[in-house]
């Protein structure tokens, strides 16, 4: 069989027509979002009362100036949570492929856990998790 005949028989997957369904789905999604936003804007209630225009403070009356500086401790705890949460996600590939990785993979995971625990011990010794000032 001639090689040029084989090339003609196999369609190329790297042309722009293979992206057409993605474009159609994107257009439908954007159209749906726009239609829903437009309909809710047109049909939604428009009664503005003094109570509705007040700032919402989770049911607690607002006291003092809203521009007071916040404690950095809150942001530190939030960043540490995100950091350790993301590190725990890295255990998933090992859990899926633990048989294929063998003892070398187990050693690497133990090393990762060691680094993880070293960081955790470091933040505990620094007092980053204590709530008292």
N, C-alpha and C. Protein backbone atom coordinates (compact mmCIF):
# COMPACT_ATOMS: atom_id res chain seq x y z
N UNK A 1 0.85 -1.18 0.00
CA UNK A 1 0.00 0.00 0.00
C UNK A 1 0.90 1.24 0.00
N UNK A 2 0.51 2.19 -0.77
CA UNK A 2 1.30 3.42 -0.89
C UNK A 2 1.16 4.27 0.37
N UNK A 3 2.26 4.91 0.80
CA UNK A 3 2.26 5.73 2.03
C UNK A 3 1.38 6.97 1.89
N UNK A 4 1.31 7.54 0.71
CA UNK A 4 0.47 8.73 0.52
C UNK A 4 -1.00 8.38 0.66
N UNK A 5 -1.38 7.17 0.29
CA UNK A 5 -2.75 6.74 0.43
C UNK A 5 -3.12 6.58 1.91
N UNK A 6 -2.18 6.11 2.72
CA UNK A 6 -2.41 5.99 4.15
C UNK A 6 -2.59 7.35 4.81
N UNK A 7 -1.81 8.31 4.38
CA UNK A 7 -1.90 9.64 4.97
C UNK A 7 -3.24 10.29 4.64
N UNK A 8 -3.76 10.03 3.49
CA UNK A 8 -5.05 10.61 3.10
C UNK A 8 -6.17 9.93 3.87
N UNK A 9 -6.04 8.64 4.15
CA UNK A 9 -7.10 7.89 4.82
C UNK A 9 -7.23 8.25 6.30
N UNK A 10 -6.13 8.63 6.95
CA UNK A 10 -6.20 8.97 8.38
C UNK A 10 -6.46 10.46 8.54
N UNK A 11 -7.54 10.80 9.23
CA UNK A 11 -7.83 12.23 9.43
C UNK A 11 -6.89 12.83 10.47
N UNK A 12 -6.59 14.09 10.29
CA UNK A 12 -5.73 14.80 11.24
C UNK A 12 -6.57 15.32 12.39
N UNK A 13 -6.10 15.10 13.62
CA UNK A 13 -6.84 15.56 14.80
C UNK A 13 -6.40 16.95 15.25
N UNK A 14 -5.46 17.54 14.55
CA UNK A 14 -4.92 18.83 14.97
C UNK A 14 -5.42 19.98 14.11
N UNK A 15 -6.58 19.87 13.54
CA UNK A 15 -7.10 20.99 12.76
C UNK A 15 -8.16 21.74 13.56
N UNK A 16 -8.60 22.85 13.05
CA UNK A 16 -9.51 23.71 13.80
C UNK A 16 -10.92 23.13 13.92
N UNK A 17 -11.30 22.21 13.05
CA UNK A 17 -12.65 21.65 13.15
C UNK A 17 -12.81 20.74 14.35
N UNK A 18 -11.71 20.22 14.89
CA UNK A 18 -11.83 19.39 16.09
C UNK A 18 -12.14 20.22 17.33
N UNK A 19 -11.94 21.52 17.26
CA UNK A 19 -12.26 22.40 18.39
C UNK A 19 -13.66 23.00 18.28
N UNK A 20 -14.37 22.70 17.23
CA UNK A 20 -15.70 23.26 17.02
C UNK A 20 -16.69 22.91 18.13
N UNK A 21 -16.76 21.66 18.61
CA UNK A 21 -17.71 21.36 19.71
C UNK A 21 -17.40 22.15 20.98
N UNK A 22 -16.13 22.38 21.26
CA UNK A 22 -15.76 23.16 22.44
C UNK A 22 -16.24 24.60 22.29
N UNK A 23 -16.08 25.15 21.10
CA UNK A 23 -16.55 26.52 20.84
C UNK A 23 -18.05 26.64 20.97
N UNK A 24 -18.77 25.64 20.46
CA UNK A 24 -20.23 25.66 20.56
C UNK A 24 -20.67 25.57 22.02
N UNK A 25 -20.01 24.70 22.79
CA UNK A 25 -20.35 24.58 24.21
C UNK A 25 -20.05 25.88 24.95
N UNK A 26 -18.94 26.51 24.64
CA UNK A 26 -18.59 27.79 25.27
C UNK A 26 -19.62 28.86 24.93
N UNK A 27 -20.06 28.91 23.68
CA UNK A 27 -21.07 29.90 23.29
C UNK A 27 -22.40 29.64 24.01
N UNK A 28 -22.80 28.37 24.11
CA UNK A 28 -24.04 28.06 24.83
C UNK A 28 -23.93 28.42 26.31
N UNK A 29 -22.79 28.16 26.92
CA UNK A 29 -22.61 28.47 28.34
C UNK A 29 -22.66 29.98 28.56
N UNK A 30 -21.94 30.74 27.73
CA UNK A 30 -21.96 32.20 27.87
C UNK A 30 -23.35 32.77 27.59
N UNK A 31 -24.03 32.21 26.59
CA UNK A 31 -25.39 32.66 26.30
C UNK A 31 -26.35 32.36 27.43
N UNK A 32 -26.22 31.19 28.04
CA UNK A 32 -27.09 30.82 29.16
C UNK A 32 -26.84 31.74 30.35
N UNK A 33 -25.59 31.99 30.68
CA UNK A 33 -25.27 32.88 31.80
C UNK A 33 -25.81 34.29 31.53
N UNK A 34 -25.60 34.78 30.33
CA UNK A 34 -26.10 36.11 29.99
C UNK A 34 -27.61 36.19 30.03
N UNK A 35 -28.28 35.15 29.54
CA UNK A 35 -29.75 35.13 29.55
C UNK A 35 -30.28 35.09 30.98
N UNK A 36 -29.69 34.27 31.84
CA UNK A 36 -30.16 34.18 33.22
C UNK A 36 -29.94 35.50 33.95
N UNK A 37 -28.78 36.11 33.76
CA UNK A 37 -28.52 37.40 34.41
C UNK A 37 -29.49 38.48 33.91
N UNK A 38 -29.75 38.47 32.61
CA UNK A 38 -30.68 39.45 32.05
C UNK A 38 -32.10 39.26 32.55
N UNK A 39 -32.56 38.02 32.60
CA UNK A 39 -33.92 37.75 33.06
C UNK A 39 -34.08 38.09 34.53
N UNK A 40 -33.10 37.75 35.36
CA UNK A 40 -33.21 38.09 36.78
C UNK A 40 -33.16 39.60 36.99
N UNK A 41 -32.42 40.29 36.16
CA UNK A 41 -32.37 41.75 36.29
C UNK A 41 -33.71 42.37 35.88
N UNK A 42 -34.32 41.83 34.86
CA UNK A 42 -35.60 42.38 34.39
C UNK A 42 -36.77 41.99 35.29
N UNK A 43 -36.79 40.76 35.79
CA UNK A 43 -37.95 40.28 36.55
C UNK A 43 -37.78 40.41 38.06
N UNK A 44 -36.59 40.67 38.54
CA UNK A 44 -36.35 40.73 39.98
C UNK A 44 -36.97 41.94 40.63
N UNK A 45 -37.22 41.86 41.96
CA UNK A 45 -37.82 43.00 42.67
C UNK A 45 -36.84 44.17 42.73
N UNK A 46 -37.42 45.37 42.69
CA UNK A 46 -36.59 46.58 42.68
C UNK A 46 -36.97 47.53 43.81
N UNK A 47 -37.53 47.01 44.90
CA UNK A 47 -37.91 47.87 46.01
C UNK A 47 -36.71 48.08 46.91
N UNK A 48 -36.22 49.30 46.98
CA UNK A 48 -35.06 49.61 47.81
C UNK A 48 -35.54 50.32 49.06
N UNK A 49 -35.42 49.66 50.18
CA UNK A 49 -35.79 50.27 51.45
C UNK A 49 -34.52 50.59 52.23
N UNK A 50 -34.68 51.39 53.27
CA UNK A 50 -33.51 51.77 54.08
C UNK A 50 -32.89 50.54 54.73
N UNK A 51 -33.71 49.60 55.12
CA UNK A 51 -33.17 48.39 55.77
C UNK A 51 -32.39 47.53 54.78
N UNK A 52 -32.86 47.45 53.54
CA UNK A 52 -32.15 46.65 52.55
C UNK A 52 -30.84 47.31 52.11
N UNK A 53 -30.75 48.60 52.19
CA UNK A 53 -29.54 49.29 51.76
C UNK A 53 -28.46 49.35 52.84
N UNK A 54 -28.76 48.89 54.05
CA UNK A 54 -27.75 48.87 55.10
C UNK A 54 -26.77 47.73 54.87
N UNK A 55 -25.55 47.91 55.40
CA UNK A 55 -24.55 46.86 55.31
C UNK A 55 -24.96 45.68 56.15
N UNK A 56 -24.71 44.49 55.65
CA UNK A 56 -25.04 43.27 56.38
C UNK A 56 -23.84 42.82 57.19
N UNK A 57 -24.03 42.62 58.48
CA UNK A 57 -22.95 42.25 59.39
C UNK A 57 -23.26 40.94 60.09
N UNK A 58 -23.81 39.98 59.40
CA UNK A 58 -24.13 38.67 59.96
C UNK A 58 -25.08 38.75 61.14
N UNK A 59 -25.98 39.70 61.15
CA UNK A 59 -26.95 39.83 62.22
C UNK A 59 -26.45 40.57 63.43
N UNK A 60 -25.22 41.00 63.42
CA UNK A 60 -24.64 41.71 64.56
C UNK A 60 -24.58 43.19 64.20
N UNK A 61 -24.98 44.02 65.14
CA UNK A 61 -24.94 45.46 64.90
C UNK A 61 -23.49 45.91 64.70
N UNK A 62 -23.28 46.77 63.73
CA UNK A 62 -21.94 47.29 63.45
C UNK A 62 -21.52 48.23 64.57
N UNK A 63 -20.31 48.02 65.08
CA UNK A 63 -19.78 48.84 66.16
C UNK A 63 -18.42 49.34 65.74
N UNK A 64 -18.20 50.62 65.82
CA UNK A 64 -16.89 51.19 65.55
C UNK A 64 -16.60 51.37 64.07
N UNK A 65 -15.35 51.67 63.80
CA UNK A 65 -14.90 51.94 62.45
C UNK A 65 -14.54 50.62 61.75
N UNK A 66 -14.99 50.47 60.53
CA UNK A 66 -14.70 49.25 59.76
C UNK A 66 -13.26 49.24 59.26
N UNK A 67 -12.56 50.36 59.35
CA UNK A 67 -11.19 50.46 58.83
C UNK A 67 -10.13 50.17 59.89
N UNK A 68 -10.51 49.58 61.02
CA UNK A 68 -9.54 49.23 62.03
C UNK A 68 -8.67 48.09 61.53
N UNK A 69 -7.39 48.11 61.85
CA UNK A 69 -6.53 47.03 61.38
C UNK A 69 -6.89 45.70 62.03
N UNK A 70 -6.84 44.64 61.24
CA UNK A 70 -7.13 43.30 61.73
C UNK A 70 -5.85 42.63 62.15
N UNK A 71 -5.96 41.67 63.02
CA UNK A 71 -4.78 40.93 63.46
C UNK A 71 -4.24 40.09 62.30
N UNK A 72 -2.94 40.06 62.19
CA UNK A 72 -2.29 39.31 61.14
C UNK A 72 -2.42 37.81 61.40
N UNK A 73 -2.69 37.43 62.63
CA UNK A 73 -2.80 36.03 63.02
C UNK A 73 -3.85 35.30 62.19
N UNK A 74 -4.96 35.98 61.89
CA UNK A 74 -6.02 35.35 61.08
C UNK A 74 -5.48 34.98 59.70
N UNK A 75 -4.77 35.89 59.07
CA UNK A 75 -4.23 35.63 57.74
C UNK A 75 -3.15 34.56 57.78
N UNK A 76 -2.36 34.53 58.83
CA UNK A 76 -1.33 33.51 58.97
C UNK A 76 -1.95 32.12 59.08
N UNK A 77 -3.00 31.99 59.88
CA UNK A 77 -3.68 30.70 60.01
C UNK A 77 -4.30 30.29 58.68
N UNK A 78 -4.88 31.24 57.96
CA UNK A 78 -5.50 30.92 56.67
C UNK A 78 -4.45 30.46 55.66
N UNK A 79 -3.31 31.11 55.62
CA UNK A 79 -2.25 30.72 54.69
C UNK A 79 -1.68 29.36 55.06
N UNK A 80 -1.50 29.11 56.35
CA UNK A 80 -0.99 27.81 56.78
C UNK A 80 -1.99 26.70 56.45
N UNK A 81 -3.28 26.98 56.60
CA UNK A 81 -4.28 25.98 56.23
C UNK A 81 -4.19 25.64 54.75
N UNK A 82 -4.11 26.66 53.91
CA UNK A 82 -4.02 26.42 52.47
C UNK A 82 -2.74 25.65 52.14
N UNK A 83 -1.63 26.02 52.76
CA UNK A 83 -0.36 25.36 52.51
C UNK A 83 -0.42 23.88 52.85
N UNK A 84 -0.90 23.55 54.05
CA UNK A 84 -0.95 22.15 54.45
C UNK A 84 -2.06 21.40 53.73
N UNK A 85 -3.11 22.06 53.35
CA UNK A 85 -4.17 21.42 52.60
C UNK A 85 -3.66 21.01 51.22
N UNK A 86 -2.90 21.88 50.57
CA UNK A 86 -2.34 21.56 49.26
C UNK A 86 -1.31 20.45 49.37
N UNK A 87 -0.52 20.44 50.44
CA UNK A 87 0.46 19.37 50.61
C UNK A 87 -0.22 18.02 50.77
N UNK A 88 -1.35 17.97 51.44
CA UNK A 88 -2.06 16.70 51.62
C UNK A 88 -2.57 16.18 50.27
N UNK A 89 -2.89 17.06 49.36
CA UNK A 89 -3.37 16.65 48.03
C UNK A 89 -2.30 15.86 47.29
N UNK A 90 -1.03 16.12 47.58
CA UNK A 90 0.05 15.41 46.90
C UNK A 90 0.12 13.93 47.30
N UNK A 91 -0.61 13.51 48.32
CA UNK A 91 -0.65 12.10 48.69
C UNK A 91 -1.54 11.30 47.73
N UNK A 92 -2.42 11.94 47.01
CA UNK A 92 -3.35 11.22 46.13
C UNK A 92 -2.64 10.43 45.03
N UNK A 93 -1.68 11.02 44.29
CA UNK A 93 -1.01 10.21 43.26
C UNK A 93 -0.29 8.99 43.83
N UNK A 94 0.26 9.13 45.02
CA UNK A 94 0.90 7.97 45.63
C UNK A 94 -0.13 6.90 45.98
N UNK A 95 -1.27 7.32 46.49
CA UNK A 95 -2.30 6.35 46.86
C UNK A 95 -2.82 5.60 45.63
N UNK A 96 -2.85 6.27 44.49
CA UNK A 96 -3.34 5.63 43.28
C UNK A 96 -2.29 4.67 42.71
N UNK A 97 -1.02 5.03 42.77
CA UNK A 97 0.04 4.26 42.12
C UNK A 97 1.01 3.61 43.09
N UNK A 98 0.59 3.32 44.31
CA UNK A 98 1.56 2.85 45.30
C UNK A 98 2.16 1.50 44.95
N UNK A 99 1.44 0.62 44.28
CA UNK A 99 2.01 -0.67 43.90
C UNK A 99 3.06 -0.52 42.81
N UNK A 100 2.81 0.35 41.88
CA UNK A 100 3.75 0.54 40.78
C UNK A 100 5.01 1.28 41.19
N UNK A 101 4.94 2.05 42.25
CA UNK A 101 6.11 2.83 42.67
C UNK A 101 7.11 2.00 43.47
N UNK A 102 6.65 0.96 44.11
CA UNK A 102 7.55 0.07 44.84
C UNK A 102 8.17 0.72 46.06
N UNK A 103 9.33 0.15 46.46
CA UNK A 103 10.00 0.64 47.67
C UNK A 103 10.62 2.01 47.47
N UNK A 104 11.05 2.31 46.26
CA UNK A 104 11.63 3.64 46.03
C UNK A 104 10.55 4.72 46.18
N UNK A 105 9.36 4.43 45.71
CA UNK A 105 8.25 5.37 45.88
C UNK A 105 7.87 5.53 47.34
N UNK A 106 7.92 4.41 48.09
CA UNK A 106 7.62 4.47 49.51
C UNK A 106 8.66 5.33 50.24
N UNK A 107 9.91 5.19 49.87
CA UNK A 107 10.97 6.02 50.46
C UNK A 107 10.78 7.50 50.15
N UNK A 108 10.38 7.79 48.93
CA UNK A 108 10.14 9.18 48.55
C UNK A 108 8.96 9.77 49.32
N UNK A 109 7.92 8.97 49.52
CA UNK A 109 6.77 9.45 50.29
C UNK A 109 7.16 9.66 51.75
N UNK A 110 8.00 8.77 52.29
CA UNK A 110 8.48 8.98 53.66
C UNK A 110 9.31 10.26 53.76
N UNK A 111 10.10 10.55 52.74
CA UNK A 111 10.87 11.79 52.72
C UNK A 111 9.92 13.01 52.66
N UNK A 112 8.88 12.90 51.86
CA UNK A 112 7.90 13.99 51.77
C UNK A 112 7.21 14.20 53.11
N UNK A 113 6.83 13.10 53.76
CA UNK A 113 6.19 13.20 55.07
C UNK A 113 7.16 13.81 56.08
N UNK A 114 8.44 13.47 55.97
CA UNK A 114 9.44 14.07 56.86
C UNK A 114 9.53 15.57 56.68
N UNK A 115 9.57 16.02 55.44
CA UNK A 115 9.59 17.47 55.19
C UNK A 115 8.31 18.12 55.68
N UNK A 116 7.20 17.45 55.47
CA UNK A 116 5.90 17.94 55.91
C UNK A 116 5.88 18.10 57.44
N UNK A 117 6.36 17.08 58.15
CA UNK A 117 6.38 17.15 59.60
C UNK A 117 7.40 18.17 60.11
N UNK A 118 8.52 18.29 59.42
CA UNK A 118 9.52 19.30 59.82
C UNK A 118 8.93 20.70 59.73
N UNK A 119 8.18 20.98 58.67
CA UNK A 119 7.52 22.28 58.55
C UNK A 119 6.46 22.48 59.61
N UNK A 120 5.72 21.42 59.92
CA UNK A 120 4.68 21.51 60.95
C UNK A 120 5.29 21.75 62.33
N UNK A 121 6.36 21.05 62.64
CA UNK A 121 7.04 21.25 63.93
C UNK A 121 7.63 22.66 64.00
N UNK A 122 8.14 23.15 62.88
CA UNK A 122 8.70 24.50 62.85
C UNK A 122 7.63 25.55 63.18
N UNK A 123 6.43 25.42 62.57
CA UNK A 123 5.41 26.44 62.85
C UNK A 123 4.86 26.31 64.26
N UNK A 124 4.88 25.10 64.82
CA UNK A 124 4.44 24.94 66.21
C UNK A 124 5.46 25.59 67.14
N UNK A 125 6.75 25.37 66.89
CA UNK A 125 7.79 25.95 67.75
C UNK A 125 7.82 27.48 67.64
N UNK A 126 7.46 28.01 66.47
CA UNK A 126 7.40 29.46 66.29
C UNK A 126 6.17 30.06 66.95
N UNK A 127 5.21 29.23 67.35
CA UNK A 127 4.00 29.71 68.00
C UNK A 127 2.97 30.25 67.03
N UNK A 128 3.03 29.80 65.78
CA UNK A 128 2.10 30.32 64.77
C UNK A 128 0.68 29.83 65.00
N UNK A 129 0.51 28.75 65.70
CA UNK A 129 -0.84 28.20 65.90
C UNK A 129 -1.44 28.55 67.24
N UNK A 130 -0.73 29.29 68.07
CA UNK A 130 -1.31 29.69 69.36
C UNK A 130 -2.14 30.95 69.18
N UNK A 131 -3.35 30.95 69.72
CA UNK A 131 -4.28 32.05 69.52
C UNK A 131 -4.06 33.19 70.49
N UNK A 132 -3.33 32.98 71.55
CA UNK A 132 -3.10 34.07 72.51
C UNK A 132 -2.10 35.06 71.93
N UNK A 133 -2.24 36.33 72.34
CA UNK A 133 -1.30 37.35 71.84
C UNK A 133 -0.11 37.49 72.76
